[in-house]
């Protein structure tokens, strides 16, 4: 579990937005669907843990953790549809 880690949403190699993980290692990122449509989020975007892994444990290898996104559901709040995506299969990229 990585606490206080910088997590970035990168699409096509460009960082769109970022967040910091909480004490449980969780994070939330909000994206305007007009700026980044769902199809693009699922095909060309990745979650990247930008904080070096050695910050948490000096014995961890050098590299970044990266994961694709998966759509898991929609929540309706009034006139607003909130899409929920989760990172899947974090991999170490050296």
C-alpha atoms as a PDB file:
ATOM      1  CA  UNK A   1       0.000   0.000   0.000  1.00  0.00           C
ATOM      2  CA  UNK A   2       1.402   3.375  -1.036  1.00  0.00           C
ATOM      3  CA  UNK A   3       0.295   6.314   1.105  1.00  0.00           C
ATOM      4  CA  UNK A   4       0.856   9.925   0.030  1.00  0.00           C
ATOM      5  CA  UNK A   5       1.903   8.727  -3.435  1.00  0.00           C
ATOM      6  CA  UNK A   6       1.436  10.898  -6.504  1.00  0.00           C
ATOM      7  CA  UNK A   7      -0.832   9.138  -9.005  1.00  0.00           C
ATOM      8  CA  UNK A   8      -1.271  10.500 -12.535  1.00  0.00           C
ATOM      9  CA  UNK A   9      -3.809   9.922 -15.285  1.00  0.00           C
ATOM     10  CA  UNK A  10      -1.789   9.883 -18.501  1.00  0.00           C
ATOM     11  CA  UNK A  11      -3.443   9.748 -21.922  1.00  0.00           C
ATOM     12  CA  UNK A  12      -1.320   9.380 -25.022  1.00  0.00           C
ATOM     13  CA  UNK A  13       1.758  10.284 -22.980  1.00  0.00           C
ATOM     14  CA  UNK A  14       0.249  13.515 -21.599  1.00  0.00           C
ATOM     15  CA  UNK A  15      -0.618  13.885 -17.917  1.00  0.00           C
ATOM     16  CA  UNK A  16      -4.288  14.917 -17.764  1.00  0.00           C
ATOM     17  CA  UNK A  17      -4.666  15.182 -13.985  1.00  0.00           C
ATOM     18  CA  UNK A  18      -3.236  13.783 -10.775  1.00  0.00           C
ATOM     19  CA  UNK A  19      -4.120  12.894  -7.191  1.00  0.00           C
ATOM     20  CA  UNK A  20      -2.399  11.788  -3.988  1.00  0.00           C
ATOM     21  CA  UNK A  21      -3.227   8.486  -2.303  1.00  0.00           C
ATOM     22  CA  UNK A  22      -4.757   8.555   1.182  1.00  0.00           C
ATOM     23  CA  UNK A  23      -3.781   6.549   4.276  1.00  0.00           C
ATOM     24  CA  UNK A  24      -5.417   3.454   2.758  1.00  0.00           C
ATOM     25  CA  UNK A  25      -3.593   3.883  -0.576  1.00  0.00           C
ATOM     26  CA  UNK A  26      -6.805   4.973  -2.345  1.00  0.00           C
ATOM     27  CA  UNK A  27      -7.310   7.916  -4.662  1.00  0.00           C
ATOM     28  CA  UNK A  28     -10.023   9.635  -6.709  1.00  0.00           C
ATOM     29  CA  UNK A  29      -9.535  11.372 -10.028  1.00  0.00           C
ATOM     30  CA  UNK A  30     -12.285  13.406 -11.705  1.00  0.00           C
ATOM     31  CA  UNK A  31     -12.203  13.881 -15.474  1.00  0.00           C
ATOM     32  CA  UNK A  32     -14.450  16.007 -17.678  1.00  0.00           C
ATOM     33  CA  UNK A  33     -15.959  13.566 -20.226  1.00  0.00           C
ATOM     34  CA  UNK A  34     -15.997  16.317 -22.854  1.00  0.00           C
ATOM     35  CA  UNK A  35     -12.217  16.594 -22.531  1.00  0.00           C
ATOM     36  CA  UNK A  36     -11.464  12.858 -22.367  1.00  0.00           C
ATOM     37  CA  UNK A  37     -14.265  10.590 -23.651  1.00  0.00           C
ATOM     38  CA  UNK A  38     -14.783   7.157 -22.080  1.00  0.00           C
ATOM     39  CA  UNK A  39     -13.500   5.362 -25.192  1.00  0.00           C
ATOM     40  CA  UNK A  40     -10.198   7.259 -24.922  1.00  0.00           C
ATOM     41  CA  UNK A  41      -9.923   6.587 -21.164  1.00  0.00           C
ATOM     42  CA  UNK A  42     -10.236   2.869 -21.831  1.00  0.00           C
ATOM     43  CA  UNK A  43      -7.960   2.697 -24.879  1.00  0.00           C
ATOM     44  CA  UNK A  44      -5.167   5.253 -24.520  1.00  0.00           C
ATOM     45  CA  UNK A  45      -5.014   6.239 -20.850  1.00  0.00           C
ATOM     46  CA  UNK A  46      -3.078   4.761 -17.953  1.00  0.00           C
ATOM     47  CA  UNK A  47      -2.792   5.329 -14.226  1.00  0.00           C
ATOM     48  CA  UNK A  48       0.853   5.914 -13.325  1.00  0.00           C
ATOM     49  CA  UNK A  49       2.251   5.938  -9.793  1.00  0.00           C
ATOM     50  CA  UNK A  50       4.748   8.790 -10.188  1.00  0.00           C
ATOM     51  CA  UNK A  51       6.198   8.509  -6.688  1.00  0.00           C
ATOM     52  CA  UNK A  52       9.335   6.327  -6.758  1.00  0.00           C
ATOM     53  CA  UNK A  53       8.689   2.922  -5.187  1.00  0.00           C
ATOM     54  CA  UNK A  54      11.888   3.276  -3.153  1.00  0.00           C
ATOM     55  CA  UNK A  55      10.119   6.046  -1.198  1.00  0.00           C
ATOM     56  CA  UNK A  56       8.026   3.340   0.470  1.00  0.00           C
ATOM     57  CA  UNK A  57      10.665   0.637   0.657  1.00  0.00           C
ATOM     58  CA  UNK A  58      14.321   1.028  -0.340  1.00  0.00           C
ATOM     59  CA  UNK A  59      14.487  -2.617  -1.462  1.00  0.00           C
ATOM     60  CA  UNK A  60      11.857  -2.182  -4.187  1.00  0.00           C
ATOM     61  CA  UNK A  61      13.094  -2.011  -7.794  1.00  0.00           C
ATOM     62  CA  UNK A  62      13.457   1.191  -9.799  1.00  0.00           C
ATOM     63  CA  UNK A  63      10.565   1.908 -12.142  1.00  0.00           C
ATOM     64  CA  UNK A  64       6.950   3.030 -12.115  1.00  0.00           C
ATOM     65  CA  UNK A  65       3.716   1.164 -11.559  1.00  0.00           C
ATOM     66  CA  UNK A  66       1.250   1.551 -14.422  1.00  0.00           C
ATOM     67  CA  UNK A  67      -2.249   0.209 -15.009  1.00  0.00           C
ATOM     68  CA  UNK A  68      -4.943   0.354 -17.652  1.00  0.00           C
ATOM     69  CA  UNK A  69      -8.468   1.404 -16.699  1.00  0.00           C
ATOM     70  CA  UNK A  70     -11.604  -0.719 -16.616  1.00  0.00           C
ATOM     71  CA  UNK A  71     -15.198   0.546 -16.555  1.00  0.00           C
ATOM     72  CA  UNK A  72     -17.145  -0.943 -13.625  1.00  0.00           C
ATOM     73  CA  UNK A  73     -20.407   0.994 -13.463  1.00  0.00           C
ATOM     74  CA  UNK A  74     -22.486   4.152 -13.533  1.00  0.00           C
ATOM     75  CA  UNK A  75     -24.030   6.082 -10.649  1.00  0.00           C
ATOM     76  CA  UNK A  76     -26.863   8.544 -11.319  1.00  0.00           C
ATOM     77  CA  UNK A  77     -27.019  11.654  -9.126  1.00  0.00           C
ATOM     78  CA  UNK A  78     -29.803  13.926 -10.269  1.00  0.00           C
ATOM     79  CA  UNK A  79     -28.995  14.875 -13.852  1.00  0.00           C
ATOM     80  CA  UNK A  80     -25.387  13.742 -13.488  1.00  0.00           C
ATOM     81  CA  UNK A  81     -24.084  10.336 -14.590  1.00  0.00           C
ATOM     82  CA  UNK A  82     -20.897   9.360 -12.762  1.00  0.00           C
ATOM     83  CA  UNK A  83     -18.839   6.655 -14.450  1.00  0.00           C
ATOM     84  CA  UNK A  84     -16.641   4.540 -12.206  1.00  0.00           C
ATOM     85  CA  UNK A  85     -13.350   3.240 -13.570  1.00  0.00           C
ATOM     86  CA  UNK A  86     -10.718   1.273 -11.700  1.00  0.00           C
ATOM     87  CA  UNK A  87      -7.070   0.560 -12.461  1.00  0.00           C
ATOM     88  CA  UNK A  88      -6.414  -3.061 -13.352  1.00  0.00           C
ATOM     89  CA  UNK A  89      -3.244  -5.136 -13.333  1.00  0.00           C
ATOM     90  CA  UNK A  90      -0.615  -2.680 -12.128  1.00  0.00           C
ATOM     91  CA  UNK A  91       2.682  -3.587 -13.770  1.00  0.00           C
ATOM     92  CA  UNK A  92       6.207  -2.457 -13.034  1.00  0.00           C
ATOM     93  CA  UNK A  93       7.632  -0.515 -15.979  1.00  0.00           C
ATOM     94  CA  UNK A  94      11.401  -0.093 -15.818  1.00  0.00           C
END
